[in-house]
Amino acid sequence: MNSEEIRSILAHEAEAIMNIPITDAYSKAIDLIVEQVHAKRGKLVTSGMGKAGQVAQNMATTFSSSGTPAIFLHPSEAQHGDLGILQENDVILAISNSGKTREIIELNTLAKNLIPNIQFIVITSDPESLLAHNADICILTGNPAEVCALGLTPTTSTTVMTVIGDILVVGTMKKINFSAADYTKRHHGGYLGDKSREMSNGK
C-alpha cells in the first residue's frame, strides 16, 4: 500500500468523523447517564455484537476509569443468565450499526421485561430501524461507507462509534466535575497513574 492510498483512507475516516450528526441527543444521553448513575446510584451497561460489541467493551472500561461505573453485557450471554446483572436505575447503551442486530433487539425486549422502566441509549446508523424506534435516546453515526475495499468489514463505522463514545465520556466527566485526584483513585498503576498523581499534586 503506497502513501497516497494510506492518505485516502485517513481522509475517508476523518471525513466520516466530521460528518457525524450533531444533535441534542448527546446532551440528553449525558444527562440521563448522570441522573441514573450518579444521582440514583445505578450503573451504565453497554452492549453490542461483534465489532460493535468490542467498541461497547471499550466504552465501559473508559467510563469506569473516568468516574462512571459501567459494565459490558454480552447480548447473547444475557439470554443465558447474564441479564441478571441489570438492576433498577441502570441505563443501557446499546450499539448496532444497522439497528437490526437480532441479539440487541432481543436484549431490548428482555431487559424491559425484567425492568419495565429501564432506559436505552442507542447508537446506530439507521434512524428508521426497529432499535432506533425502541430507543429512549438515539444517537446517529451518519451512516458512513466502510473504508474496507469490499464495503463490508466494520471499519469506518466502528471509528465513528468510538468517537461518539469519547464524546459521551468527556461530556459526562465535565458534568460530574471529574478531577485528576478522582482519576488517581481509579487508575493507580502505570504512566497514567503517575501522571494523574502529579496533576492532582499540582506538579
N, C-alpha and C. Protein backbone atom coordinates (compact mmCIF):
# COMPACT_ATOMS: atom_id res chain seq x y z
N MET A 1 0.85 -1.19 0.00
CA MET A 1 0.00 0.00 0.00
C MET A 1 0.89 1.24 0.00
N ASN A 2 0.66 2.14 -0.97
CA ASN A 2 1.51 3.33 -1.06
C ASN A 2 0.95 4.47 -0.21
N SER A 3 1.72 5.54 -0.13
CA SER A 3 1.36 6.66 0.75
C SER A 3 0.06 7.33 0.34
N GLU A 4 -0.23 7.39 -0.95
CA GLU A 4 -1.47 8.01 -1.40
C GLU A 4 -2.69 7.20 -0.98
N GLU A 5 -2.57 5.87 -1.04
CA GLU A 5 -3.66 5.02 -0.59
C GLU A 5 -3.90 5.17 0.90
N ILE A 6 -2.82 5.25 1.65
CA ILE A 6 -2.95 5.46 3.10
C ILE A 6 -3.59 6.80 3.39
N ARG A 7 -3.14 7.85 2.67
CA ARG A 7 -3.69 9.19 2.85
C ARG A 7 -5.19 9.20 2.52
N SER A 8 -5.60 8.44 1.51
CA SER A 8 -7.00 8.38 1.12
C SER A 8 -7.86 7.74 2.22
N ILE A 9 -7.32 6.69 2.84
CA ILE A 9 -8.05 6.05 3.93
C ILE A 9 -8.19 7.01 5.11
N LEU A 10 -7.10 7.69 5.44
CA LEU A 10 -7.15 8.67 6.54
C LEU A 10 -8.17 9.76 6.26
N ALA A 11 -8.21 10.23 5.01
CA ALA A 11 -9.16 11.29 4.64
C ALA A 11 -10.60 10.80 4.75
N HIS A 12 -10.82 9.56 4.34
CA HIS A 12 -12.16 8.97 4.41
C HIS A 12 -12.64 8.86 5.85
N GLU A 13 -11.76 8.38 6.73
CA GLU A 13 -12.11 8.23 8.14
C GLU A 13 -12.34 9.59 8.80
N ALA A 14 -11.47 10.54 8.47
CA ALA A 14 -11.61 11.89 9.04
C ALA A 14 -12.91 12.55 8.59
N GLU A 15 -13.26 12.38 7.33
CA GLU A 15 -14.50 12.96 6.81
C GLU A 15 -15.71 12.34 7.51
N ALA A 16 -15.66 11.04 7.74
CA ALA A 16 -16.76 10.37 8.43
C ALA A 16 -16.96 10.92 9.83
N ILE A 17 -15.85 11.16 10.52
CA ILE A 17 -15.94 11.74 11.87
C ILE A 17 -16.56 13.13 11.82
N MET A 18 -16.12 13.95 10.88
CA MET A 18 -16.62 15.32 10.80
C MET A 18 -18.08 15.37 10.37
N ASN A 19 -18.58 14.29 9.77
CA ASN A 19 -19.96 14.25 9.31
C ASN A 19 -20.91 13.54 10.27
N ILE A 20 -20.41 13.20 11.46
CA ILE A 20 -21.30 12.65 12.49
C ILE A 20 -22.35 13.71 12.82
N PRO A 21 -23.63 13.38 12.75
CA PRO A 21 -24.67 14.38 13.05
C PRO A 21 -24.57 14.89 14.49
N ILE A 22 -24.64 16.19 14.65
CA ILE A 22 -24.59 16.80 15.98
C ILE A 22 -26.01 17.23 16.36
N THR A 23 -26.56 16.55 17.36
CA THR A 23 -27.93 16.83 17.81
C THR A 23 -27.96 16.94 19.33
N ASP A 24 -29.15 17.24 19.85
CA ASP A 24 -29.29 17.32 21.30
C ASP A 24 -29.32 15.94 21.95
N ALA A 25 -29.23 14.88 21.13
CA ALA A 25 -29.20 13.53 21.70
C ALA A 25 -27.99 13.33 22.61
N TYR A 26 -26.89 14.00 22.30
CA TYR A 26 -25.69 13.88 23.14
C TYR A 26 -25.92 14.42 24.54
N SER A 27 -26.44 15.64 24.63
CA SER A 27 -26.68 16.23 25.95
C SER A 27 -27.75 15.45 26.70
N LYS A 28 -28.75 14.95 25.99
CA LYS A 28 -29.78 14.13 26.64
C LYS A 28 -29.19 12.84 27.17
N ALA A 29 -28.32 12.21 26.40
CA ALA A 29 -27.69 10.96 26.83
C ALA A 29 -26.80 11.19 28.05
N ILE A 30 -26.02 12.25 28.01
CA ILE A 30 -25.14 12.57 29.13
C ILE A 30 -25.97 12.87 30.38
N ASP A 31 -27.03 13.65 30.24
CA ASP A 31 -27.90 13.96 31.38
C ASP A 31 -28.51 12.69 31.96
N LEU A 32 -28.93 11.77 31.08
CA LEU A 32 -29.53 10.53 31.54
C LEU A 32 -28.52 9.67 32.29
N ILE A 33 -27.30 9.57 31.76
CA ILE A 33 -26.25 8.80 32.43
C ILE A 33 -25.96 9.38 33.81
N VAL A 34 -25.82 10.68 33.88
CA VAL A 34 -25.53 11.33 35.17
C VAL A 34 -26.68 11.11 36.14
N GLU A 35 -27.91 11.25 35.67
CA GLU A 35 -29.08 11.08 36.54
C GLU A 35 -29.16 9.65 37.07
N GLN A 36 -29.05 8.66 36.18
CA GLN A 36 -29.24 7.28 36.60
C GLN A 36 -28.06 6.73 37.40
N VAL A 37 -26.85 7.07 36.98
CA VAL A 37 -25.66 6.50 37.62
C VAL A 37 -25.22 7.31 38.83
N HIS A 38 -25.16 8.63 38.69
CA HIS A 38 -24.58 9.44 39.76
C HIS A 38 -25.62 9.94 40.76
N ALA A 39 -26.83 10.20 40.31
CA ALA A 39 -27.87 10.65 41.24
C ALA A 39 -28.63 9.48 41.85
N LYS A 40 -28.96 8.48 41.03
CA LYS A 40 -29.78 7.37 41.50
C LYS A 40 -28.97 6.12 41.83
N ARG A 41 -27.64 6.19 41.64
CA ARG A 41 -26.71 5.12 42.03
C ARG A 41 -26.89 3.83 41.24
N GLY A 42 -27.33 3.96 39.99
CA GLY A 42 -27.35 2.80 39.10
C GLY A 42 -26.00 2.66 38.43
N LYS A 43 -25.98 1.99 37.29
CA LYS A 43 -24.73 1.86 36.54
C LYS A 43 -25.04 1.91 35.05
N LEU A 44 -24.02 2.15 34.26
CA LEU A 44 -24.15 2.15 32.81
C LEU A 44 -23.82 0.75 32.30
N VAL A 45 -24.70 0.18 31.49
CA VAL A 45 -24.49 -1.14 30.92
C VAL A 45 -24.39 -0.99 29.40
N THR A 46 -23.23 -1.31 28.85
CA THR A 46 -23.04 -1.20 27.40
C THR A 46 -23.21 -2.57 26.76
N SER A 47 -23.62 -2.58 25.49
CA SER A 47 -23.82 -3.85 24.81
C SER A 47 -23.70 -3.69 23.30
N GLY A 48 -23.29 -4.75 22.65
CA GLY A 48 -23.18 -4.78 21.19
C GLY A 48 -22.67 -6.14 20.76
N MET A 49 -22.90 -6.49 19.51
CA MET A 49 -22.43 -7.76 18.96
C MET A 49 -21.24 -7.53 18.04
N GLY A 50 -20.35 -8.50 17.98
CA GLY A 50 -19.24 -8.43 17.04
C GLY A 50 -18.34 -7.23 17.29
N LYS A 51 -17.97 -6.54 16.20
CA LYS A 51 -17.08 -5.38 16.32
C LYS A 51 -17.72 -4.27 17.14
N ALA A 52 -19.03 -4.09 17.00
CA ALA A 52 -19.73 -3.08 17.81
C ALA A 52 -19.64 -3.44 19.28
N GLY A 53 -19.65 -4.74 19.58
CA GLY A 53 -19.50 -5.18 20.96
C GLY A 53 -18.13 -4.84 21.52
N GLN A 54 -17.10 -4.94 20.68
CA GLN A 54 -15.76 -4.58 21.14
C GLN A 54 -15.68 -3.09 21.44
N VAL A 55 -16.36 -2.28 20.63
CA VAL A 55 -16.42 -0.84 20.90
C VAL A 55 -17.16 -0.60 22.22
N ALA A 56 -18.25 -1.34 22.43
CA ALA A 56 -19.03 -1.19 23.67
C ALA A 56 -18.21 -1.58 24.89
N GLN A 57 -17.38 -2.62 24.75
CA GLN A 57 -16.50 -3.01 25.87
C GLN A 57 -15.52 -1.89 26.19
N ASN A 58 -14.95 -1.29 25.16
CA ASN A 58 -14.02 -0.19 25.37
C ASN A 58 -14.71 0.99 26.06
N MET A 59 -15.94 1.27 25.65
CA MET A 59 -16.68 2.36 26.27
C MET A 59 -16.88 2.10 27.76
N ALA A 60 -17.23 0.86 28.10
CA ALA A 60 -17.47 0.53 29.51
C ALA A 60 -16.23 0.75 30.36
N THR A 61 -15.07 0.30 29.87
CA THR A 61 -13.84 0.47 30.65
C THR A 61 -13.44 1.94 30.74
N THR A 62 -13.67 2.70 29.66
CA THR A 62 -13.31 4.12 29.68
C THR A 62 -14.23 4.90 30.61
N PHE A 63 -15.51 4.61 30.58
CA PHE A 63 -16.44 5.24 31.53
C PHE A 63 -16.04 4.91 32.96
N SER A 64 -15.74 3.64 33.23
CA SER A 64 -15.40 3.23 34.60
C SER A 64 -14.16 3.95 35.11
N SER A 65 -13.16 4.08 34.26
CA SER A 65 -11.92 4.73 34.70
C SER A 65 -12.08 6.23 34.87
N SER A 66 -13.15 6.78 34.32
CA SER A 66 -13.36 8.23 34.41
C SER A 66 -14.55 8.59 35.31
N GLY A 67 -14.87 7.68 36.24
CA GLY A 67 -15.80 8.04 37.30
C GLY A 67 -17.23 7.59 37.16
N THR A 68 -17.57 6.92 36.06
CA THR A 68 -18.94 6.46 35.85
C THR A 68 -18.95 4.93 35.80
N PRO A 69 -19.40 4.28 36.87
CA PRO A 69 -19.41 2.81 36.89
C PRO A 69 -20.15 2.22 35.70
N ALA A 70 -19.48 1.34 34.97
CA ALA A 70 -20.04 0.77 33.75
C ALA A 70 -19.57 -0.66 33.58
N ILE A 71 -20.39 -1.44 32.90
CA ILE A 71 -20.06 -2.84 32.65
C ILE A 71 -20.57 -3.22 31.26
N PHE A 72 -19.86 -4.13 30.60
CA PHE A 72 -20.30 -4.63 29.30
C PHE A 72 -21.14 -5.88 29.50
N LEU A 73 -22.29 -5.93 28.85
CA LEU A 73 -23.17 -7.10 28.88
C LEU A 73 -23.25 -7.69 27.48
N HIS A 74 -22.75 -8.90 27.32
CA HIS A 74 -22.82 -9.54 26.01
C HIS A 74 -24.27 -9.92 25.73
N PRO A 75 -24.83 -9.49 24.61
CA PRO A 75 -26.26 -9.71 24.37
C PRO A 75 -26.65 -11.18 24.26
N SER A 76 -25.74 -12.03 23.79
CA SER A 76 -26.06 -13.46 23.73
C SER A 76 -26.00 -14.09 25.11
N GLU A 77 -24.98 -13.73 25.88
CA GLU A 77 -24.87 -14.26 27.24
C GLU A 77 -26.02 -13.77 28.12
N ALA A 78 -26.56 -12.60 27.77
CA ALA A 78 -27.71 -12.07 28.53
C ALA A 78 -28.88 -13.05 28.49
N GLN A 79 -28.99 -13.79 27.37
CA GLN A 79 -30.09 -14.73 27.23
C GLN A 79 -29.85 -16.03 28.00
N HIS A 80 -28.67 -16.15 28.58
CA HIS A 80 -28.32 -17.37 29.33
C HIS A 80 -27.97 -17.02 30.78
N GLY A 81 -28.63 -16.00 31.31
CA GLY A 81 -28.50 -15.69 32.73
C GLY A 81 -27.82 -14.38 33.06
N ASP A 82 -26.96 -13.87 32.16
CA ASP A 82 -26.23 -12.65 32.49
C ASP A 82 -27.13 -11.42 32.54
N LEU A 83 -28.37 -11.54 32.05
CA LEU A 83 -29.32 -10.44 32.15
C LEU A 83 -29.52 -10.03 33.61
N GLY A 84 -29.25 -10.97 34.52
CA GLY A 84 -29.42 -10.70 35.95
C GLY A 84 -28.52 -9.61 36.49
N ILE A 85 -27.54 -9.15 35.70
CA ILE A 85 -26.68 -8.04 36.14
C ILE A 85 -27.45 -6.74 36.22
N LEU A 86 -28.60 -6.67 35.51
CA LEU A 86 -29.38 -5.44 35.47
C LEU A 86 -30.12 -5.20 36.77
N GLN A 87 -30.12 -3.92 37.19
CA GLN A 87 -30.81 -3.51 38.40
C GLN A 87 -31.60 -2.23 38.12
N GLU A 88 -32.50 -1.93 39.04
CA GLU A 88 -33.22 -0.66 38.95
C GLU A 88 -32.22 0.49 38.85
N ASN A 89 -32.56 1.48 38.05
CA ASN A 89 -31.78 2.70 37.85
C ASN A 89 -30.58 2.53 36.93
N ASP A 90 -30.34 1.31 36.43
CA ASP A 90 -29.32 1.16 35.40
C ASP A 90 -29.81 1.81 34.11
N VAL A 91 -28.87 2.14 33.24
CA VAL A 91 -29.20 2.63 31.91
C VAL A 91 -28.36 1.85 30.91
N ILE A 92 -28.96 1.45 29.79
CA ILE A 92 -28.27 0.63 28.80
C ILE A 92 -27.86 1.47 27.60
N LEU A 93 -26.60 1.32 27.19
CA LEU A 93 -26.07 1.95 25.98
C LEU A 93 -25.80 0.84 24.98
N ALA A 94 -26.66 0.71 23.98
CA ALA A 94 -26.57 -0.39 23.01
C ALA A 94 -26.10 0.13 21.66
N ILE A 95 -25.23 -0.64 21.01
CA ILE A 95 -24.66 -0.22 19.73
C ILE A 95 -24.99 -1.25 18.66
N SER A 96 -25.54 -0.78 17.56
CA SER A 96 -25.79 -1.63 16.39
C SER A 96 -25.76 -0.74 15.16
N ASN A 97 -24.81 -0.96 14.28
CA ASN A 97 -24.69 -0.12 13.10
C ASN A 97 -25.97 -0.15 12.26
N SER A 98 -26.49 -1.34 12.04
CA SER A 98 -27.70 -1.48 11.21
C SER A 98 -28.97 -1.12 11.97
N GLY A 99 -28.93 -1.25 13.29
CA GLY A 99 -30.15 -1.09 14.08
C GLY A 99 -31.05 -2.29 13.98
N LYS A 100 -30.54 -3.35 13.36
CA LYS A 100 -31.34 -4.56 13.13
C LYS A 100 -30.71 -5.80 13.76
N THR A 101 -29.65 -5.62 14.51
CA THR A 101 -28.96 -6.76 15.12
C THR A 101 -29.93 -7.53 16.02
N ARG A 102 -30.19 -8.78 15.67
CA ARG A 102 -31.22 -9.56 16.36
C ARG A 102 -30.98 -9.62 17.86
N GLU A 103 -29.74 -9.89 18.26
CA GLU A 103 -29.46 -10.07 19.68
C GLU A 103 -29.67 -8.79 20.47
N ILE A 104 -29.42 -7.63 19.85
CA ILE A 104 -29.61 -6.35 20.54
C ILE A 104 -31.10 -6.02 20.64
N ILE A 105 -31.84 -6.31 19.60
CA ILE A 105 -33.29 -6.09 19.64
C ILE A 105 -33.92 -6.99 20.71
N GLU A 106 -33.45 -8.23 20.79
CA GLU A 106 -33.95 -9.14 21.81
C GLU A 106 -33.55 -8.67 23.20
N LEU A 107 -32.34 -8.12 23.33
CA LEU A 107 -31.90 -7.58 24.63
C LEU A 107 -32.83 -6.47 25.08
N ASN A 108 -33.23 -5.63 24.15
CA ASN A 108 -34.16 -4.54 24.47
C ASN A 108 -35.45 -5.10 25.07
N THR A 109 -35.98 -6.12 24.43
CA THR A 109 -37.23 -6.74 24.90
C THR A 109 -37.05 -7.42 26.25
N LEU A 110 -35.98 -8.20 26.38
CA LEU A 110 -35.75 -8.95 27.61
C LEU A 110 -35.47 -8.03 28.79
N ALA A 111 -34.69 -6.97 28.55
CA ALA A 111 -34.37 -6.04 29.63
C ALA A 111 -35.62 -5.33 30.14
N LYS A 112 -36.49 -4.94 29.21
CA LYS A 112 -37.71 -4.24 29.63
C LYS A 112 -38.72 -5.19 30.25
N ASN A 113 -38.62 -6.48 29.94
CA ASN A 113 -39.45 -7.47 30.61
C ASN A 113 -39.02 -7.63 32.06
N LEU A 114 -37.70 -7.53 32.30
CA LEU A 114 -37.15 -7.65 33.65
C LEU A 114 -37.35 -6.37 34.45
N ILE A 115 -37.01 -5.24 33.81
CA ILE A 115 -37.13 -3.92 34.46
C ILE A 115 -37.87 -3.01 33.49
N PRO A 116 -39.20 -2.93 33.60
CA PRO A 116 -40.01 -2.23 32.60
C PRO A 116 -39.61 -0.79 32.33
N ASN A 117 -39.07 -0.09 33.34
CA ASN A 117 -38.75 1.32 33.14
C ASN A 117 -37.29 1.56 32.77
N ILE A 118 -36.53 0.48 32.47
CA ILE A 118 -35.13 0.68 32.12
C ILE A 118 -35.05 1.44 30.80
N GLN A 119 -34.07 2.35 30.70
CA GLN A 119 -33.97 3.21 29.52
C GLN A 119 -32.77 2.83 28.65
N PHE A 120 -32.96 3.01 27.35
CA PHE A 120 -31.96 2.64 26.35
C PHE A 120 -31.44 3.87 25.61
N ILE A 121 -30.12 4.01 25.59
CA ILE A 121 -29.45 4.91 24.66
C ILE A 121 -28.94 4.02 23.53
N VAL A 122 -29.22 4.38 22.30
CA VAL A 122 -28.82 3.55 21.16
C VAL A 122 -27.94 4.36 20.21
N ILE A 123 -26.87 3.73 19.76
CA ILE A 123 -26.00 4.30 18.71
C ILE A 123 -26.20 3.44 17.47
N THR A 124 -26.66 4.04 16.38
CA THR A 124 -26.96 3.31 15.16
C THR A 124 -26.82 4.22 13.94
N SER A 125 -26.80 3.60 12.77
CA SER A 125 -26.73 4.39 11.53
C SER A 125 -28.11 4.64 10.93
N ASP A 126 -29.11 3.87 11.37
CA ASP A 126 -30.42 3.91 10.71
C ASP A 126 -31.51 4.45 11.64
N PRO A 127 -31.95 5.68 11.41
CA PRO A 127 -32.98 6.27 12.27
C PRO A 127 -34.34 5.61 12.13
N GLU A 128 -34.53 4.83 11.06
CA GLU A 128 -35.80 4.15 10.83
C GLU A 128 -35.79 2.70 11.30
N SER A 129 -34.71 2.26 11.88
CA SER A 129 -34.60 0.88 12.33
C SER A 129 -35.47 0.64 13.56
N LEU A 130 -35.77 -0.63 13.81
CA LEU A 130 -36.57 -1.01 14.97
C LEU A 130 -35.87 -0.59 16.26
N LEU A 131 -34.57 -0.77 16.30
CA LEU A 131 -33.82 -0.41 17.51
C LEU A 131 -33.90 1.09 17.77
N ALA A 132 -33.78 1.89 16.72
CA ALA A 132 -33.88 3.34 16.87
C ALA A 132 -35.27 3.73 17.38
N HIS A 133 -36.31 3.10 16.85
CA HIS A 133 -37.67 3.42 17.27
C HIS A 133 -37.93 3.01 18.71
N ASN A 134 -37.24 1.97 19.17
CA ASN A 134 -37.43 1.49 20.54
C ASN A 134 -36.56 2.22 21.55
N ALA A 135 -35.66 3.07 21.07
CA ALA A 135 -34.72 3.75 21.95
C ALA A 135 -35.38 4.92 22.68
N ASP A 136 -34.89 5.18 23.88
CA ASP A 136 -35.29 6.40 24.58
C ASP A 136 -34.51 7.58 24.04
N ILE A 137 -33.24 7.34 23.70
CA ILE A 137 -32.38 8.35 23.09
C ILE A 137 -31.61 7.67 21.97
N CYS A 138 -31.62 8.24 20.78
CA CYS A 138 -30.95 7.65 19.63
C CYS A 138 -29.87 8.60 19.12
N ILE A 139 -28.64 8.11 19.07
CA ILE A 139 -27.51 8.87 18.54
C ILE A 139 -27.12 8.25 17.20
N LEU A 140 -27.12 9.06 16.15
CA LEU A 140 -26.86 8.56 14.79
C LEU A 140 -25.40 8.73 14.40
N THR A 141 -24.90 7.75 13.66
CA THR A 141 -23.49 7.76 13.24
C THR A 141 -23.24 8.57 11.97
N GLY A 142 -24.30 8.82 11.20
CA GLY A 142 -24.12 9.44 9.89
C GLY A 142 -24.03 8.42 8.78
N ASN A 143 -24.02 7.14 9.15
CA ASN A 143 -24.01 6.04 8.18
C ASN A 143 -22.91 6.17 7.13
N PRO A 144 -21.65 6.28 7.56
CA PRO A 144 -20.57 6.42 6.57
C PRO A 144 -20.31 5.10 5.85
N ALA A 145 -19.85 5.18 4.61
CA ALA A 145 -19.44 3.99 3.88
C ALA A 145 -18.18 3.42 4.52
N GLU A 146 -18.10 2.09 4.58
CA GLU A 146 -16.91 1.46 5.16
C GLU A 146 -15.71 1.68 4.24
N VAL A 147 -14.57 1.94 4.84
CA VAL A 147 -13.36 2.15 4.06
C VAL A 147 -12.84 0.82 3.51
N CYS A 148 -13.29 -0.28 4.07
CA CYS A 148 -12.94 -1.62 3.58
C CYS A 148 -13.20 -1.72 2.08
N ALA A 149 -12.27 -2.34 1.35
CA ALA A 149 -12.38 -2.43 -0.11
C ALA A 149 -13.65 -3.13 -0.56
N LEU A 150 -14.19 -4.01 0.29
CA LEU A 150 -15.43 -4.71 -0.04
C LEU A 150 -16.67 -3.93 0.40
N GLY A 151 -16.45 -2.91 1.22
CA GLY A 151 -17.58 -2.16 1.76
C GLY A 151 -18.36 -2.94 2.79
N LEU A 152 -17.73 -3.97 3.37
CA LEU A 152 -18.44 -4.85 4.30
C LEU A 152 -17.85 -4.84 5.71
N THR A 153 -16.53 -4.95 5.81
CA THR A 153 -15.89 -5.07 7.12
C THR A 153 -16.10 -3.81 7.95
N PRO A 154 -16.60 -3.95 9.19
CA PRO A 154 -16.76 -2.77 10.06
C PRO A 154 -15.42 -2.07 10.27
N THR A 155 -15.27 -0.93 9.68
CA THR A 155 -14.03 -0.15 9.77
C THR A 155 -14.40 1.30 10.11
N THR A 156 -14.89 2.02 9.13
CA THR A 156 -15.28 3.40 9.36
C THR A 156 -16.43 3.49 10.36
N SER A 157 -17.35 2.54 10.31
CA SER A 157 -18.48 2.56 11.24
C SER A 157 -18.01 2.43 12.68
N THR A 158 -17.01 1.56 12.93
CA THR A 158 -16.53 1.42 14.30
C THR A 158 -15.69 2.62 14.72
N THR A 159 -15.06 3.28 13.75
CA THR A 159 -14.34 4.51 14.06
C THR A 159 -15.29 5.57 14.61
N VAL A 160 -16.42 5.79 13.92
CA VAL A 160 -17.35 6.82 14.37
C VAL A 160 -18.03 6.41 15.67
N MET A 161 -18.30 5.12 15.85
CA MET A 161 -18.87 4.66 17.13
C MET A 161 -17.93 4.99 18.29
N THR A 162 -16.64 4.75 18.07
CA THR A 162 -15.65 5.03 19.11
C THR A 162 -15.61 6.52 19.44
N VAL A 163 -15.66 7.35 18.42
CA VAL A 163 -15.64 8.80 18.63
C VAL A 163 -16.89 9.25 19.38
N ILE A 164 -18.03 8.70 19.03
CA ILE A 164 -19.27 9.03 19.74
C ILE A 164 -19.14 8.65 21.22
N GLY A 165 -18.56 7.48 21.49
CA GLY A 165 -18.32 7.08 22.87
C GLY A 165 -17.42 8.07 23.59
N ASP A 166 -16.38 8.55 22.90
CA ASP A 166 -15.48 9.54 23.50
C ASP A 166 -16.22 10.83 23.86
N ILE A 167 -17.12 11.25 22.99
CA ILE A 167 -17.91 12.46 23.27
C ILE A 167 -18.73 12.27 24.53
N LEU A 168 -19.36 11.11 24.65
CA LEU A 168 -20.19 10.84 25.83
C LEU A 168 -19.35 10.78 27.10
N VAL A 169 -18.18 10.15 27.02
CA VAL A 169 -17.30 10.06 28.18
C VAL A 169 -16.83 11.44 28.62
N VAL A 170 -16.34 12.23 27.67
CA VAL A 170 -15.82 13.56 28.00
C VAL A 170 -16.92 14.45 28.54
N GLY A 171 -18.10 14.39 27.92
CA GLY A 171 -19.23 15.19 28.38
C GLY A 171 -19.65 14.81 29.78
N THR A 172 -19.64 13.52 30.08
CA THR A 172 -20.01 13.05 31.42
C THR A 172 -18.97 13.47 32.45
N MET A 173 -17.69 13.36 32.10
CA MET A 173 -16.63 13.80 33.01
C MET A 173 -16.79 15.26 33.39
N LYS A 174 -17.12 16.10 32.41
CA LYS A 174 -17.32 17.53 32.68
C LYS A 174 -18.54 17.75 33.57
N LYS A 175 -19.59 16.98 33.31
CA LYS A 175 -20.84 17.14 34.05
C LYS A 175 -20.66 16.80 35.53
N ILE A 176 -19.82 15.80 35.82
CA ILE A 176 -19.63 15.38 37.21
C ILE A 176 -18.38 16.02 37.84
N ASN A 177 -17.73 16.92 37.09
CA ASN A 177 -16.53 17.61 37.59
C ASN A 177 -15.44 16.62 38.00
N PHE A 178 -15.19 15.67 37.15
CA PHE A 178 -14.19 14.63 37.43
C PHE A 178 -12.79 15.22 37.39
N SER A 179 -12.02 15.00 38.46
CA SER A 179 -10.71 15.63 38.60
C SER A 179 -9.57 14.64 38.46
N ALA A 180 -8.34 15.18 38.41
CA ALA A 180 -7.15 14.32 38.36
C ALA A 180 -7.05 13.48 39.62
N ALA A 181 -7.44 14.06 40.77
CA ALA A 181 -7.43 13.30 42.02
C ALA A 181 -8.42 12.14 41.96
N ASP A 182 -9.58 12.38 41.36
CA ASP A 182 -10.56 11.30 41.18
C ASP A 182 -10.00 10.22 40.28
N TYR A 183 -9.29 10.63 39.23
CA TYR A 183 -8.70 9.67 38.28
C TYR A 183 -7.67 8.81 38.99
N THR A 184 -6.85 9.42 39.84
CA THR A 184 -5.80 8.71 40.55
C THR A 184 -6.35 7.58 41.40
N LYS A 185 -7.50 7.82 42.02
CA LYS A 185 -8.11 6.80 42.89
C LYS A 185 -8.52 5.56 42.10
N ARG A 186 -8.76 5.72 40.80
CA ARG A 186 -9.23 4.62 39.97
C ARG A 186 -8.15 4.04 39.07
N HIS A 187 -7.04 4.76 38.94
CA HIS A 187 -6.01 4.34 37.99
C HIS A 187 -4.65 4.53 38.65
N HIS A 188 -4.32 3.60 39.55
CA HIS A 188 -3.11 3.76 40.35
C HIS A 188 -1.84 3.43 39.58
N GLY A 189 -1.90 2.41 38.73
CA GLY A 189 -0.69 1.91 38.10
C GLY A 189 -0.31 2.58 36.80
N GLY A 190 0.95 2.35 36.42
CA GLY A 190 1.43 2.77 35.11
C GLY A 190 1.67 4.26 34.95
N TYR A 191 1.95 4.63 33.72
CA TYR A 191 2.26 6.02 33.40
C TYR A 191 1.10 6.95 33.74
N LEU A 192 -0.13 6.53 33.40
CA LEU A 192 -1.27 7.39 33.64
C LEU A 192 -1.52 7.59 35.13
N GLY A 193 -1.25 6.56 35.93
CA GLY A 193 -1.36 6.71 37.38
C GLY A 193 -0.37 7.73 37.90
N ASP A 194 0.88 7.63 37.43
CA ASP A 194 1.90 8.59 37.84
C ASP A 194 1.53 10.01 37.39
N LYS A 195 1.08 10.12 36.14
CA LYS A 195 0.74 11.43 35.59
C LYS A 195 -0.42 12.06 36.34
N SER A 196 -1.46 11.28 36.67
CA SER A 196 -2.60 11.84 37.37
C SER A 196 -2.23 12.27 38.79
N ARG A 197 -1.31 11.53 39.43
CA ARG A 197 -0.86 11.93 40.77
C ARG A 197 -0.09 13.25 40.71
N GLU A 198 0.72 13.39 39.68
CA GLU A 198 1.44 14.65 39.51
C GLU A 198 0.47 15.82 39.32
N MET A 199 -0.54 15.59 38.51
CA MET A 199 -1.54 16.64 38.25
C MET A 199 -2.32 16.98 39.51
N SER A 200 -2.71 15.96 40.27
CA SER A 200 -3.51 16.22 41.48
C SER A 200 -2.69 16.88 42.58
N ASN A 201 -1.35 16.69 42.51
CA ASN A 201 -0.46 17.32 43.50
C ASN A 201 0.04 18.68 43.03
N GLY A 202 -0.44 19.10 41.84
CA GLY A 202 -0.07 20.41 41.33
C GLY A 202 1.33 20.51 40.77
N LYS A 203 1.91 19.40 40.38
CA LYS A 203 3.28 19.41 39.82
C LYS A 203 3.25 19.63 38.32
